[in-house]
PDB file of N, CA and C in Angstrom:
ATOM      1  N   MET A   1     -77.694  21.847  43.929  1.00  0.00           N
ATOM      2  CA  MET A   1     -78.046  23.219  43.985  1.00  0.00           C
ATOM      3  C   MET A   1     -77.417  24.008  42.791  1.00  0.00           C
ATOM      4  N   THR A   2     -78.176  24.868  42.168  1.00  0.00           N
ATOM      5  CA  THR A   2     -77.686  25.647  41.009  1.00  0.00           C
ATOM      6  C   THR A   2     -76.737  26.740  41.501  1.00  0.00           C
ATOM      7  N   LYS A   3     -75.548  26.736  40.867  1.00  0.00           N
ATOM      8  CA  LYS A   3     -74.508  27.718  41.216  1.00  0.00           C
ATOM      9  C   LYS A   3     -74.507  28.845  40.188  1.00  0.00           C
ATOM     10  N   ILE A   4     -74.568  30.009  40.679  1.00  0.00           N
ATOM     11  CA  ILE A   4     -74.617  31.211  39.777  1.00  0.00           C
ATOM     12  C   ILE A   4     -73.470  32.175  40.129  1.00  0.00           C
ATOM     13  N   LEU A   5     -72.747  32.570  39.077  1.00  0.00           N
ATOM     14  CA  LEU A   5     -71.707  33.580  39.210  1.00  0.00           C
ATOM     15  C   LEU A   5     -72.271  34.923  38.862  1.00  0.00           C
ATOM     16  N   ILE A   6     -72.243  35.886  39.804  1.00  0.00           N
ATOM     17  CA  ILE A   6     -72.697  37.263  39.556  1.00  0.00           C
ATOM     18  C   ILE A   6     -71.433  38.124  39.300  1.00  0.00           C
ATOM     19  N   VAL A   7     -71.467  38.783  38.194  1.00  0.00           N
ATOM     20  CA  VAL A   7     -70.328  39.663  37.840  1.00  0.00           C
ATOM     21  C   VAL A   7     -70.744  41.065  37.598  1.00  0.00           C
ATOM     22  N   ASP A   8     -70.267  41.960  38.492  1.00  0.00           N
ATOM     23  CA  ASP A   8     -70.625  43.408  38.347  1.00  0.00           C
ATOM     24  C   ASP A   8     -69.607  44.192  39.109  1.00  0.00           C
ATOM     25  N   ASP A   9     -69.139  45.288  38.609  1.00  0.00           N
ATOM     26  CA  ASP A   9     -68.195  46.094  39.372  1.00  0.00           C
ATOM     27  C   ASP A   9     -68.837  46.892  40.473  1.00  0.00           C
ATOM     28  N   ALA A  10     -70.121  46.998  40.573  1.00  0.00           N
ATOM     29  CA  ALA A  10     -70.808  47.650  41.638  1.00  0.00           C
ATOM     30  C   ALA A  10     -71.129  46.634  42.747  1.00  0.00           C
ATOM     31  N   GLU A  11     -70.424  46.780  43.837  1.00  0.00           N
ATOM     32  CA  GLU A  11     -70.555  45.830  44.921  1.00  0.00           C
ATOM     33  C   GLU A  11     -72.012  45.789  45.482  1.00  0.00           C
ATOM     34  N   PHE A  12     -72.638  46.915  45.579  1.00  0.00           N
ATOM     35  CA  PHE A  12     -73.999  46.931  46.133  1.00  0.00           C
ATOM     36  C   PHE A  12     -74.939  46.098  45.242  1.00  0.00           C
ATOM     37  N   LEU A  13     -74.678  46.104  43.941  1.00  0.00           N
ATOM     38  CA  LEU A  13     -75.545  45.344  43.031  1.00  0.00           C
ATOM     39  C   LEU A  13     -75.243  43.842  43.184  1.00  0.00           C
ATOM     40  N   ARG A  14     -73.989  43.534  43.288  1.00  0.00           N
ATOM     41  CA  ARG A  14     -73.619  42.101  43.538  1.00  0.00           C
ATOM     42  C   ARG A  14     -74.295  41.577  44.791  1.00  0.00           C
ATOM     43  N   VAL A  15     -74.207  42.379  45.883  1.00  0.00           N
ATOM     44  CA  VAL A  15     -74.761  41.966  47.172  1.00  0.00           C
ATOM     45  C   VAL A  15     -76.303  41.855  47.019  1.00  0.00           C
ATOM     46  N   ARG A  16     -76.938  42.805  46.320  1.00  0.00           N
ATOM     47  CA  ARG A  16     -78.388  42.800  46.189  1.00  0.00           C
ATOM     48  C   ARG A  16     -78.858  41.552  45.432  1.00  0.00           C
ATOM     49  N   ILE A  17     -78.156  41.261  44.324  1.00  0.00           N
ATOM     50  CA  ILE A  17     -78.541  40.070  43.558  1.00  0.00           C
ATOM     51  C   ILE A  17     -78.259  38.801  44.304  1.00  0.00           C
ATOM     52  N   SER A  18     -77.107  38.777  45.040  1.00  0.00           N
ATOM     53  CA  SER A  18     -76.763  37.591  45.789  1.00  0.00           C
ATOM     54  C   SER A  18     -77.764  37.287  46.851  1.00  0.00           C
ATOM     55  N   LYS A  19     -78.243  38.339  47.589  1.00  0.00           N
ATOM     56  CA  LYS A  19     -79.235  38.118  48.598  1.00  0.00           C
ATOM     57  C   LYS A  19     -80.551  37.549  47.960  1.00  0.00           C
ATOM     58  N   MET A  20     -80.939  38.182  46.812  1.00  0.00           N
ATOM     59  CA  MET A  20     -82.170  37.799  46.169  1.00  0.00           C
ATOM     60  C   MET A  20     -82.043  36.313  45.743  1.00  0.00           C
ATOM     61  N   LEU A  21     -80.955  35.914  45.115  1.00  0.00           N
ATOM     62  CA  LEU A  21     -80.835  34.560  44.591  1.00  0.00           C
ATOM     63  C   LEU A  21     -80.658  33.532  45.746  1.00  0.00           C
ATOM     64  N   SER A  22     -79.880  33.888  46.758  1.00  0.00           N
ATOM     65  CA  SER A  22     -79.720  33.034  47.937  1.00  0.00           C
ATOM     66  C   SER A  22     -81.051  32.739  48.541  1.00  0.00           C
ATOM     67  N   GLY A  23     -81.862  33.727  48.614  1.00  0.00           N
ATOM     68  CA  GLY A  23     -83.190  33.640  49.236  1.00  0.00           C
ATOM     69  C   GLY A  23     -84.038  32.656  48.434  1.00  0.00           C
ATOM     70  N   ASP A  24     -83.809  32.560  47.126  1.00  0.00           N
ATOM     71  CA  ASP A  24     -84.500  31.642  46.302  1.00  0.00           C
ATOM     72  C   ASP A  24     -83.890  30.252  46.135  1.00  0.00           C
ATOM     73  N   GLY A  25     -82.839  30.020  46.959  1.00  0.00           N
ATOM     74  CA  GLY A  25     -82.257  28.672  47.019  1.00  0.00           C
ATOM     75  C   GLY A  25     -81.054  28.449  46.118  1.00  0.00           C
ATOM     76  N   PHE A  26     -80.539  29.512  45.466  1.00  0.00           N
ATOM     77  CA  PHE A  26     -79.359  29.360  44.600  1.00  0.00           C
ATOM     78  C   PHE A  26     -78.075  29.520  45.351  1.00  0.00           C
ATOM     79  N   ASP A  27     -77.078  28.860  44.932  1.00  0.00           N
ATOM     80  CA  ASP A  27     -75.704  28.986  45.484  1.00  0.00           C
ATOM     81  C   ASP A  27     -75.012  30.091  44.664  1.00  0.00           C
ATOM     82  N   VAL A  28     -74.473  31.109  45.305  1.00  0.00           N
ATOM     83  CA  VAL A  28     -74.057  32.298  44.588  1.00  0.00           C
ATOM     84  C   VAL A  28     -72.542  32.561  44.934  1.00  0.00           C
ATOM     85  N   ILE A  29     -71.812  32.907  43.821  1.00  0.00           N
ATOM     86  CA  ILE A  29     -70.413  33.357  43.958  1.00  0.00           C
ATOM     87  C   ILE A  29     -70.325  34.680  43.195  1.00  0.00           C
ATOM     88  N   GLN A  30     -69.295  35.513  43.502  1.00  0.00           N
ATOM     89  CA  GLN A  30     -69.253  36.820  42.885  1.00  0.00           C
ATOM     90  C   GLN A  30     -67.853  37.150  42.342  1.00  0.00           C
ATOM     91  N   ALA A  31     -67.856  38.005  41.279  1.00  0.00           N
ATOM     92  CA  ALA A  31     -66.616  38.526  40.730  1.00  0.00           C
ATOM     93  C   ALA A  31     -66.876  40.005  40.472  1.00  0.00           C
ATOM     94  N   GLU A  32     -65.823  40.809  40.606  1.00  0.00           N
ATOM     95  CA  GLU A  32     -65.948  42.273  40.463  1.00  0.00           C
ATOM     96  C   GLU A  32     -65.617  42.776  39.084  1.00  0.00           C
ATOM     97  N   ASN A  33     -65.118  41.985  38.174  1.00  0.00           N
ATOM     98  CA  ASN A  33     -64.830  42.378  36.789  1.00  0.00           C
ATOM     99  C   ASN A  33     -64.736  41.168  35.938  1.00  0.00           C
ATOM    100  N   GLY A  34     -64.626  41.420  34.642  1.00  0.00           N
ATOM    101  CA  GLY A  34     -64.594  40.314  33.659  1.00  0.00           C
ATOM    102  C   GLY A  34     -63.373  39.392  33.820  1.00  0.00           C
ATOM    103  N   ALA A  35     -62.236  39.983  34.088  1.00  0.00           N
ATOM    104  CA  ALA A  35     -61.057  39.144  34.248  1.00  0.00           C
ATOM    105  C   ALA A  35     -61.207  38.194  35.412  1.00  0.00           C
ATOM    106  N   ARG A  36     -61.666  38.641  36.468  1.00  0.00           N
ATOM    107  CA  ARG A  36     -61.930  37.757  37.626  1.00  0.00           C
ATOM    108  C   ARG A  36     -63.062  36.746  37.334  1.00  0.00           C
ATOM    109  N   ALA A  37     -63.996  37.214  36.541  1.00  0.00           N
ATOM    110  CA  ALA A  37     -65.133  36.313  36.170  1.00  0.00           C
ATOM    111  C   ALA A  37     -64.621  35.047  35.351  1.00  0.00           C
ATOM    112  N   VAL A  38     -63.701  35.325  34.484  1.00  0.00           N
ATOM    113  CA  VAL A  38     -63.139  34.220  33.680  1.00  0.00           C
ATOM    114  C   VAL A  38     -62.370  33.258  34.579  1.00  0.00           C
ATOM    115  N   GLU A  39     -61.580  33.776  35.524  1.00  0.00           N
ATOM    116  CA  GLU A  39     -60.888  32.864  36.491  1.00  0.00           C
ATOM    117  C   GLU A  39     -61.883  32.074  37.327  1.00  0.00           C
ATOM    118  N   MET A  40     -62.893  32.760  37.835  1.00  0.00           N
ATOM    119  CA  MET A  40     -63.846  32.109  38.706  1.00  0.00           C
ATOM    120  C   MET A  40     -64.674  31.127  37.973  1.00  0.00           C
ATOM    121  N   TYR A  41     -64.947  31.375  36.699  1.00  0.00           N
ATOM    122  CA  TYR A  41     -65.688  30.389  35.910  1.00  0.00           C
ATOM    123  C   TYR A  41     -64.923  29.060  35.771  1.00  0.00           C
ATOM    124  N   LYS A  42     -63.591  29.258  35.509  1.00  0.00           N
ATOM    125  CA  LYS A  42     -62.772  28.061  35.324  1.00  0.00           C
ATOM    126  C   LYS A  42     -62.617  27.277  36.645  1.00  0.00           C
ATOM    127  N   GLU A  43     -62.483  28.057  37.745  1.00  0.00           N
ATOM    128  CA  GLU A  43     -62.325  27.381  39.099  1.00  0.00           C
ATOM    129  C   GLU A  43     -63.579  26.766  39.662  1.00  0.00           C
ATOM    130  N   ASN A  44     -64.761  27.366  39.374  1.00  0.00           N
ATOM    131  CA  ASN A  44     -65.985  26.952  40.017  1.00  0.00           C
ATOM    132  C   ASN A  44     -67.034  26.247  39.121  1.00  0.00           C
ATOM    133  N   SER A  45     -66.894  26.360  37.814  1.00  0.00           N
ATOM    134  CA  SER A  45     -67.814  25.754  36.876  1.00  0.00           C
ATOM    135  C   SER A  45     -69.334  26.067  37.248  1.00  0.00           C
ATOM    136  N   PRO A  46     -69.652  27.359  37.299  1.00  0.00           N
ATOM    137  CA  PRO A  46     -71.077  27.667  37.707  1.00  0.00           C
ATOM    138  C   PRO A  46     -72.035  27.167  36.624  1.00  0.00           C
ATOM    139  N   ASP A  47     -73.278  27.052  37.033  1.00  0.00           N
ATOM    140  CA  ASP A  47     -74.324  26.595  36.100  1.00  0.00           C
ATOM    141  C   ASP A  47     -74.770  27.763  35.208  1.00  0.00           C
ATOM    142  N   LEU A  48     -74.610  28.966  35.719  1.00  0.00           N
ATOM    143  CA  LEU A  48     -75.062  30.182  34.981  1.00  0.00           C
ATOM    144  C   LEU A  48     -74.248  31.404  35.451  1.00  0.00           C
ATOM    145  N   VAL A  49     -74.151  32.366  34.527  1.00  0.00           N
ATOM    146  CA  VAL A  49     -73.400  33.640  34.865  1.00  0.00           C
ATOM    147  C   VAL A  49     -74.362  34.750  34.569  1.00  0.00           C
ATOM    148  N   LEU A  50     -74.453  35.688  35.574  1.00  0.00           N
ATOM    149  CA  LEU A  50     -75.156  36.932  35.387  1.00  0.00           C
ATOM    150  C   LEU A  50     -74.084  37.992  35.261  1.00  0.00           C
ATOM    151  N   MET A  51     -73.882  38.672  34.137  1.00  0.00           N
ATOM    152  CA  MET A  51     -72.710  39.517  33.966  1.00  0.00           C
ATOM    153  C   MET A  51     -73.077  40.931  33.439  1.00  0.00           C
ATOM    154  N   ASP A  52     -72.574  41.889  34.104  1.00  0.00           N
ATOM    155  CA  ASP A  52     -72.669  43.303  33.603  1.00  0.00           C
ATOM    156  C   ASP A  52     -71.832  43.437  32.378  1.00  0.00           C
ATOM    157  N   ILE A  53     -72.184  44.423  31.536  1.00  0.00           N
ATOM    158  CA  ILE A  53     -71.412  44.653  30.290  1.00  0.00           C
ATOM    159  C   ILE A  53     -70.318  45.636  30.564  1.00  0.00           C
ATOM    160  N   THR A  54     -70.555  46.781  31.225  1.00  0.00           N
ATOM    161  CA  THR A  54     -69.536  47.775  31.433  1.00  0.00           C
ATOM    162  C   THR A  54     -68.894  47.615  32.789  1.00  0.00           C
ATOM    163  N   MET A  55     -67.552  47.250  32.664  1.00  0.00           N
ATOM    164  CA  MET A  55     -66.759  47.094  33.872  1.00  0.00           C
ATOM    165  C   MET A  55     -65.308  47.421  33.580  1.00  0.00           C
ATOM    166  N   PRO A  56     -64.532  47.833  34.641  1.00  0.00           N
ATOM    167  CA  PRO A  56     -63.121  48.039  34.439  1.00  0.00           C
ATOM    168  C   PRO A  56     -62.324  46.745  34.283  1.00  0.00           C
ATOM    169  N   GLU A  57     -61.140  46.873  33.867  1.00  0.00           N
ATOM    170  CA  GLU A  57     -60.152  45.763  33.695  1.00  0.00           C
ATOM    171  C   GLU A  57     -60.480  44.871  32.549  1.00  0.00           C
ATOM    172  N   MET A  58     -61.719  44.239  32.479  1.00  0.00           N
ATOM    173  CA  MET A  58     -62.187  43.529  31.327  1.00  0.00           C
ATOM    174  C   MET A  58     -63.688  43.639  31.302  1.00  0.00           C
ATOM    175  N   ASP A  59     -64.265  44.127  30.216  1.00  0.00           N
ATOM    176  CA  ASP A  59     -65.703  44.313  30.110  1.00  0.00           C
ATOM    177  C   ASP A  59     -66.413  43.001  29.952  1.00  0.00           C
ATOM    178  N   GLY A  60     -67.717  43.070  30.087  1.00  0.00           N
ATOM    179  CA  GLY A  60     -68.515  41.832  30.022  1.00  0.00           C
ATOM    180  C   GLY A  60     -68.488  41.119  28.698  1.00  0.00           C
ATOM    181  N   LEU A  61     -68.502  41.917  27.585  1.00  0.00           N
ATOM    182  CA  LEU A  61     -68.388  41.280  26.254  1.00  0.00           C
ATOM    183  C   LEU A  61     -67.157  40.459  26.108  1.00  0.00           C
ATOM    184  N   THR A  62     -66.000  41.072  26.469  1.00  0.00           N
ATOM    185  CA  THR A  62     -64.706  40.323  26.334  1.00  0.00           C
ATOM    186  C   THR A  62     -64.738  39.088  27.260  1.00  0.00           C
ATOM    187  N   ALA A  63     -65.214  39.212  28.436  1.00  0.00           N
ATOM    188  CA  ALA A  63     -65.323  38.098  29.382  1.00  0.00           C
ATOM    189  C   ALA A  63     -66.213  36.977  28.822  1.00  0.00           C
ATOM    190  N   LEU A  64     -67.377  37.420  28.249  1.00  0.00           N
ATOM    191  CA  LEU A  64     -68.295  36.479  27.667  1.00  0.00           C
ATOM    192  C   LEU A  64     -67.586  35.590  26.601  1.00  0.00           C
ATOM    193  N   LYS A  65     -66.786  36.288  25.742  1.00  0.00           N
ATOM    194  CA  LYS A  65     -66.063  35.598  24.658  1.00  0.00           C
ATOM    195  C   LYS A  65     -65.065  34.634  25.224  1.00  0.00           C
ATOM    196  N   HIS A  66     -64.351  35.063  26.275  1.00  0.00           N
ATOM    197  CA  HIS A  66     -63.374  34.169  26.924  1.00  0.00           C
ATOM    198  C   HIS A  66     -64.082  32.952  27.574  1.00  0.00           C
ATOM    199  N   ILE A  67     -65.161  33.160  28.256  1.00  0.00           N
ATOM    200  CA  ILE A  67     -65.879  32.104  28.867  1.00  0.00           C
ATOM    201  C   ILE A  67     -66.438  31.097  27.898  1.00  0.00           C
ATOM    202  N   ARG A  68     -67.050  31.654  26.783  1.00  0.00           N
ATOM    203  CA  ARG A  68     -67.636  30.846  25.795  1.00  0.00           C
ATOM    204  C   ARG A  68     -66.533  30.082  25.003  1.00  0.00           C
ATOM    205  N   GLY A  69     -65.344  30.676  24.916  1.00  0.00           N
ATOM    206  CA  GLY A  69     -64.167  30.015  24.274  1.00  0.00           C
ATOM    207  C   GLY A  69     -63.704  28.823  25.144  1.00  0.00           C
ATOM    208  N   TYR A  70     -63.798  29.032  26.416  1.00  0.00           N
ATOM    209  CA  TYR A  70     -63.387  27.939  27.358  1.00  0.00           C
ATOM    210  C   TYR A  70     -64.485  26.848  27.445  1.00  0.00           C
ATOM    211  N   ASP A  71     -65.747  27.246  27.426  1.00  0.00           N
ATOM    212  CA  ASP A  71     -66.880  26.384  27.593  1.00  0.00           C
ATOM    213  C   ASP A  71     -67.972  26.792  26.663  1.00  0.00           C
ATOM    214  N   ALA A  72     -68.075  26.182  25.530  1.00  0.00           N
ATOM    215  CA  ALA A  72     -69.083  26.595  24.511  1.00  0.00           C
ATOM    216  C   ALA A  72     -70.502  26.454  25.004  1.00  0.00           C
ATOM    217  N   SER A  73     -70.733  25.653  26.013  1.00  0.00           N
ATOM    218  CA  SER A  73     -72.135  25.467  26.494  1.00  0.00           C
ATOM    219  C   SER A  73     -72.401  26.407  27.696  1.00  0.00           C
ATOM    220  N   ALA A  74     -71.500  27.324  28.023  1.00  0.00           N
ATOM    221  CA  ALA A  74     -71.745  28.276  29.175  1.00  0.00           C
ATOM    222  C   ALA A  74     -73.004  29.055  28.979  1.00  0.00           C
ATOM    223  N   LYS A  75     -73.745  29.169  30.065  1.00  0.00           N
ATOM    224  CA  LYS A  75     -75.032  29.921  30.014  1.00  0.00           C
ATOM    225  C   LYS A  75     -74.793  31.258  30.653  1.00  0.00           C
ATOM    226  N   VAL A  76     -74.826  32.344  29.877  1.00  0.00           N
ATOM    227  CA  VAL A  76     -74.551  33.686  30.311  1.00  0.00           C
ATOM    228  C   VAL A  76     -75.689  34.606  30.063  1.00  0.00           C
ATOM    229  N   ILE A  77     -76.179  35.340  31.089  1.00  0.00           N
ATOM    230  CA  ILE A  77     -77.146  36.367  30.920  1.00  0.00           C
ATOM    231  C   ILE A  77     -76.483  37.676  31.131  1.00  0.00           C
ATOM    232  N   MET A  78     -76.595  38.579  30.237  1.00  0.00           N
ATOM    233  CA  MET A  78     -75.990  39.895  30.324  1.00  0.00           C
ATOM    234  C   MET A  78     -76.921  40.876  31.051  1.00  0.00           C
ATOM    235  N   LEU A  79     -76.311  41.696  31.937  1.00  0.00           N
ATOM    236  CA  LEU A  79     -77.027  42.746  32.620  1.00  0.00           C
ATOM    237  C   LEU A  79     -76.594  44.020  31.891  1.00  0.00           C
ATOM    238  N   THR A  80     -77.627  44.865  31.536  1.00  0.00           N
ATOM    239  CA  THR A  80     -77.303  46.014  30.740  1.00  0.00           C
ATOM    240  C   THR A  80     -78.087  47.254  31.197  1.00  0.00           C
ATOM    241  N   ALA A  81     -77.567  48.401  31.042  1.00  0.00           N
ATOM    242  CA  ALA A  81     -78.286  49.654  31.244  1.00  0.00           C
ATOM    243  C   ALA A  81     -79.106  50.012  30.062  1.00  0.00           C
ATOM    244  N   LEU A  82     -80.108  50.796  30.216  1.00  0.00           N
ATOM    245  CA  LEU A  82     -80.869  51.268  29.033  1.00  0.00           C
ATOM    246  C   LEU A  82     -79.953  51.965  28.057  1.00  0.00           C
ATOM    247  N   GLY A  83     -80.258  51.786  26.733  1.00  0.00           N
ATOM    248  CA  GLY A  83     -79.495  52.521  25.734  1.00  0.00           C
ATOM    249  C   GLY A  83     -78.310  51.756  25.240  1.00  0.00           C
ATOM    250  N   GLN A  84     -78.154  50.510  25.552  1.00  0.00           N
ATOM    251  CA  GLN A  84     -76.946  49.698  25.140  1.00  0.00           C
ATOM    252  C   GLN A  84     -77.425  48.643  24.116  1.00  0.00           C
ATOM    253  N   GLU A  85     -78.437  48.968  23.295  1.00  0.00           N
ATOM    254  CA  GLU A  85     -78.973  47.962  22.380  1.00  0.00           C
ATOM    255  C   GLU A  85     -77.923  47.343  21.446  1.00  0.00           C
ATOM    256  N   SER A  86     -77.077  48.174  20.903  1.00  0.00           N
ATOM    257  CA  SER A  86     -76.057  47.639  19.939  1.00  0.00           C
ATOM    258  C   SER A  86     -75.103  46.682  20.639  1.00  0.00           C
ATOM    259  N   VAL A  87     -74.783  46.960  21.904  1.00  0.00           N
ATOM    260  CA  VAL A  87     -73.915  46.083  22.694  1.00  0.00           C
ATOM    261  C   VAL A  87     -74.622  44.797  23.037  1.00  0.00           C
ATOM    262  N   VAL A  88     -75.932  44.914  23.343  1.00  0.00           N
ATOM    263  CA  VAL A  88     -76.736  43.717  23.580  1.00  0.00           C
ATOM    264  C   VAL A  88     -76.709  42.777  22.365  1.00  0.00           C
ATOM    265  N   LEU A  89     -76.894  43.357  21.153  1.00  0.00           N
ATOM    266  CA  LEU A  89     -76.875  42.571  19.949  1.00  0.00           C
ATOM    267  C   LEU A  89     -75.550  41.856  19.779  1.00  0.00           C
ATOM    268  N   GLU A  90     -74.432  42.531  20.043  1.00  0.00           N
ATOM    269  CA  GLU A  90     -73.141  41.944  19.991  1.00  0.00           C
ATOM    270  C   GLU A  90     -73.011  40.749  21.030  1.00  0.00           C
ATOM    271  N   ALA A  91     -73.532  40.983  22.195  1.00  0.00           N
ATOM    272  CA  ALA A  91     -73.497  39.962  23.241  1.00  0.00           C
ATOM    273  C   ALA A  91     -74.260  38.709  22.808  1.00  0.00           C
ATOM    274  N   ILE A  92     -75.412  38.864  22.235  1.00  0.00           N
ATOM    275  CA  ILE A  92     -76.222  37.780  21.723  1.00  0.00           C
ATOM    276  C   ILE A  92     -75.451  37.012  20.688  1.00  0.00           C
ATOM    277  N   LYS A  93     -74.859  37.765  19.713  1.00  0.00           N
ATOM    278  CA  LYS A  93     -74.095  37.125  18.653  1.00  0.00           C
ATOM    279  C   LYS A  93     -72.814  36.394  19.248  1.00  0.00           C
ATOM    280  N   SER A  94     -72.383  36.821  20.386  1.00  0.00           N
ATOM    281  CA  SER A  94     -71.158  36.244  21.030  1.00  0.00           C
ATOM    282  C   SER A  94     -71.550  35.022  21.939  1.00  0.00           C
ATOM    283  N   GLY A  95     -72.880  34.754  22.068  1.00  0.00           N
ATOM    284  CA  GLY A  95     -73.284  33.585  22.827  1.00  0.00           C
ATOM    285  C   GLY A  95     -74.035  33.849  24.056  1.00  0.00           C
ATOM    286  N   ALA A  96     -74.356  35.094  24.409  1.00  0.00           N
ATOM    287  CA  ALA A  96     -75.225  35.358  25.597  1.00  0.00           C
ATOM    288  C   ALA A  96     -76.580  34.743  25.311  1.00  0.00           C
ATOM    289  N   ARG A  97     -77.148  34.078  26.355  1.00  0.00           N
ATOM    290  CA  ARG A  97     -78.419  33.490  26.158  1.00  0.00           C
ATOM    291  C   ARG A  97     -79.615  34.372  26.400  1.00  0.00           C
ATOM    292  N   ASP A  98     -79.407  35.489  27.137  1.00  0.00           N
ATOM    293  CA  ASP A  98     -80.486  36.402  27.457  1.00  0.00           C
ATOM    294  C   ASP A  98     -79.829  37.725  27.947  1.00  0.00           C
ATOM    295  N   PHE A  99     -80.669  38.724  28.112  1.00  0.00           N
ATOM    296  CA  PHE A  99     -80.187  39.950  28.702  1.00  0.00           C
ATOM    297  C   PHE A  99     -81.239  40.542  29.561  1.00  0.00           C
ATOM    298  N   ILE A 100     -80.847  41.247  30.612  1.00  0.00           N
ATOM    299  CA  ILE A 100     -81.780  41.837  31.562  1.00  0.00           C
ATOM    300  C   ILE A 100     -81.353  43.303  31.649  1.00  0.00           C
ATOM    301  N   VAL A 101     -82.370  44.161  31.498  1.00  0.00           N
ATOM    302  CA  VAL A 101     -82.119  45.654  31.522  1.00  0.00           C
ATOM    303  C   VAL A 101     -82.237  46.057  33.033  1.00  0.00           C
ATOM    304  N   LYS A 102     -81.196  46.895  33.419  1.00  0.00           N
ATOM    305  CA  LYS A 102     -81.246  47.507  34.756  1.00  0.00           C
ATOM    306  C   LYS A 102     -82.029  48.818  34.709  1.00  0.00           C
ATOM    307  N   PRO A 103     -82.734  49.185  35.729  1.00  0.00           N
ATOM    308  CA  PRO A 103     -82.996  48.383  36.928  1.00  0.00           C
ATOM    309  C   PRO A 103     -83.966  47.233  36.638  1.00  0.00           C
ATOM    310  N   PHE A 104     -83.762  46.153  37.285  1.00  0.00           N
ATOM    311  CA  PHE A 104     -84.589  44.954  36.949  1.00  0.00           C
ATOM    312  C   PHE A 104     -85.522  44.554  38.114  1.00  0.00           C
ATOM    313  N   GLU A 105     -86.489  43.795  37.738  1.00  0.00           N
ATOM    314  CA  GLU A 105     -87.486  43.235  38.679  1.00  0.00           C
ATOM    315  C   GLU A 105     -87.006  41.831  39.099  1.00  0.00           C
ATOM    316  N   HIS A 106     -87.207  41.526  40.380  1.00  0.00           N
ATOM    317  CA  HIS A 106     -86.842  40.234  40.929  1.00  0.00           C
ATOM    318  C   HIS A 106     -87.390  39.113  40.029  1.00  0.00           C
ATOM    319  N   GLU A 107     -88.664  39.132  39.684  1.00  0.00           N
ATOM    320  CA  GLU A 107     -89.287  38.082  38.894  1.00  0.00           C
ATOM    321  C   GLU A 107     -88.607  37.908  37.519  1.00  0.00           C
ATOM    322  N   ARG A 108     -88.183  38.991  36.923  1.00  0.00           N
ATOM    323  CA  ARG A 108     -87.546  38.939  35.618  1.00  0.00           C
ATOM    324  C   ARG A 108     -86.250  38.191  35.670  1.00  0.00           C
ATOM    325  N   VAL A 109     -85.476  38.403  36.698  1.00  0.00           N
ATOM    326  CA  VAL A 109     -84.211  37.708  36.961  1.00  0.00           C
ATOM    327  C   VAL A 109     -84.455  36.216  37.220  1.00  0.00           C
ATOM    328  N   ILE A 110     -85.321  35.917  38.109  1.00  0.00           N
ATOM    329  CA  ILE A 110     -85.575  34.521  38.490  1.00  0.00           C
ATOM    330  C   ILE A 110     -86.100  33.768  37.238  1.00  0.00           C
ATOM    331  N   ASN A 111     -87.063  34.330  36.504  1.00  0.00           N
ATOM    332  CA  ASN A 111     -87.601  33.661  35.393  1.00  0.00           C
ATOM    333  C   ASN A 111     -86.584  33.371  34.296  1.00  0.00           C
ATOM    334  N   ALA A 112     -85.630  34.340  34.121  1.00  0.00           N
ATOM    335  CA  ALA A 112     -84.597  34.161  33.102  1.00  0.00           C
ATOM    336  C   ALA A 112     -83.629  32.965  33.541  1.00  0.00           C
ATOM    337  N   ILE A 113     -83.345  32.943  34.860  1.00  0.00           N
ATOM    338  CA  ILE A 113     -82.454  31.908  35.326  1.00  0.00           C
ATOM    339  C   ILE A 113     -83.151  30.566  35.223  1.00  0.00           C
ATOM    340  N   ARG A 114     -84.320  30.451  35.698  1.00  0.00           N
ATOM    341  CA  ARG A 114     -85.049  29.185  35.678  1.00  0.00           C
ATOM    342  C   ARG A 114     -85.261  28.662  34.239  1.00  0.00           C
ATOM    343  N   LYS A 115     -85.447  29.535  33.323  1.00  0.00           N
ATOM    344  CA  LYS A 115     -85.634  29.141  31.901  1.00  0.00           C
ATOM    345  C   LYS A 115     -84.376  28.482  31.410  1.00  0.00           C
ATOM    346  N   LEU A 116     -83.199  28.984  31.782  1.00  0.00           N
ATOM    347  CA  LEU A 116     -81.951  28.462  31.289  1.00  0.00           C
ATOM    348  C   LEU A 116     -81.383  27.237  32.062  1.00  0.00           C
ATOM    349  N   VAL A 117     -81.751  27.065  33.322  1.00  0.00           N
ATOM    350  CA  VAL A 117     -81.256  25.966  34.075  1.00  0.00           C
ATOM    351  C   VAL A 117     -82.307  24.827  34.280  1.00  0.00           C
ATOM    352  N   ALA A 118     -83.426  24.957  33.627  1.00  0.00           N
ATOM    353  CA  ALA A 118     -84.486  23.935  33.821  1.00  0.00           C
ATOM    354  C   ALA A 118     -84.059  22.651  33.130  1.00  0.00           C
TER     355      ALA A 118
END
């Protein structure tokens, strides 16, 4: 079963994505910020990470760099709000494999995940 780490400081969004992905047969774990995401990545070796960019304690870009430094083959999809194009470009340069703009459609998330874990 594909294990996905969802990282977002908004609990409602983590729960929403978790329910959506669990319903599609994915094993889901959650982290509330980038620092926790790095710890959980090392502890759980997920197949893929869905990570928000703007979070307290450690933002998504910094966490992405830490995760990719630990595992160069890590598959990370960044979640971003509209208007963060420059940050998205930095994320792609730092190793993010894709990005999804919030608010997002169920199919967009599932298709992005399936493309990377196929």
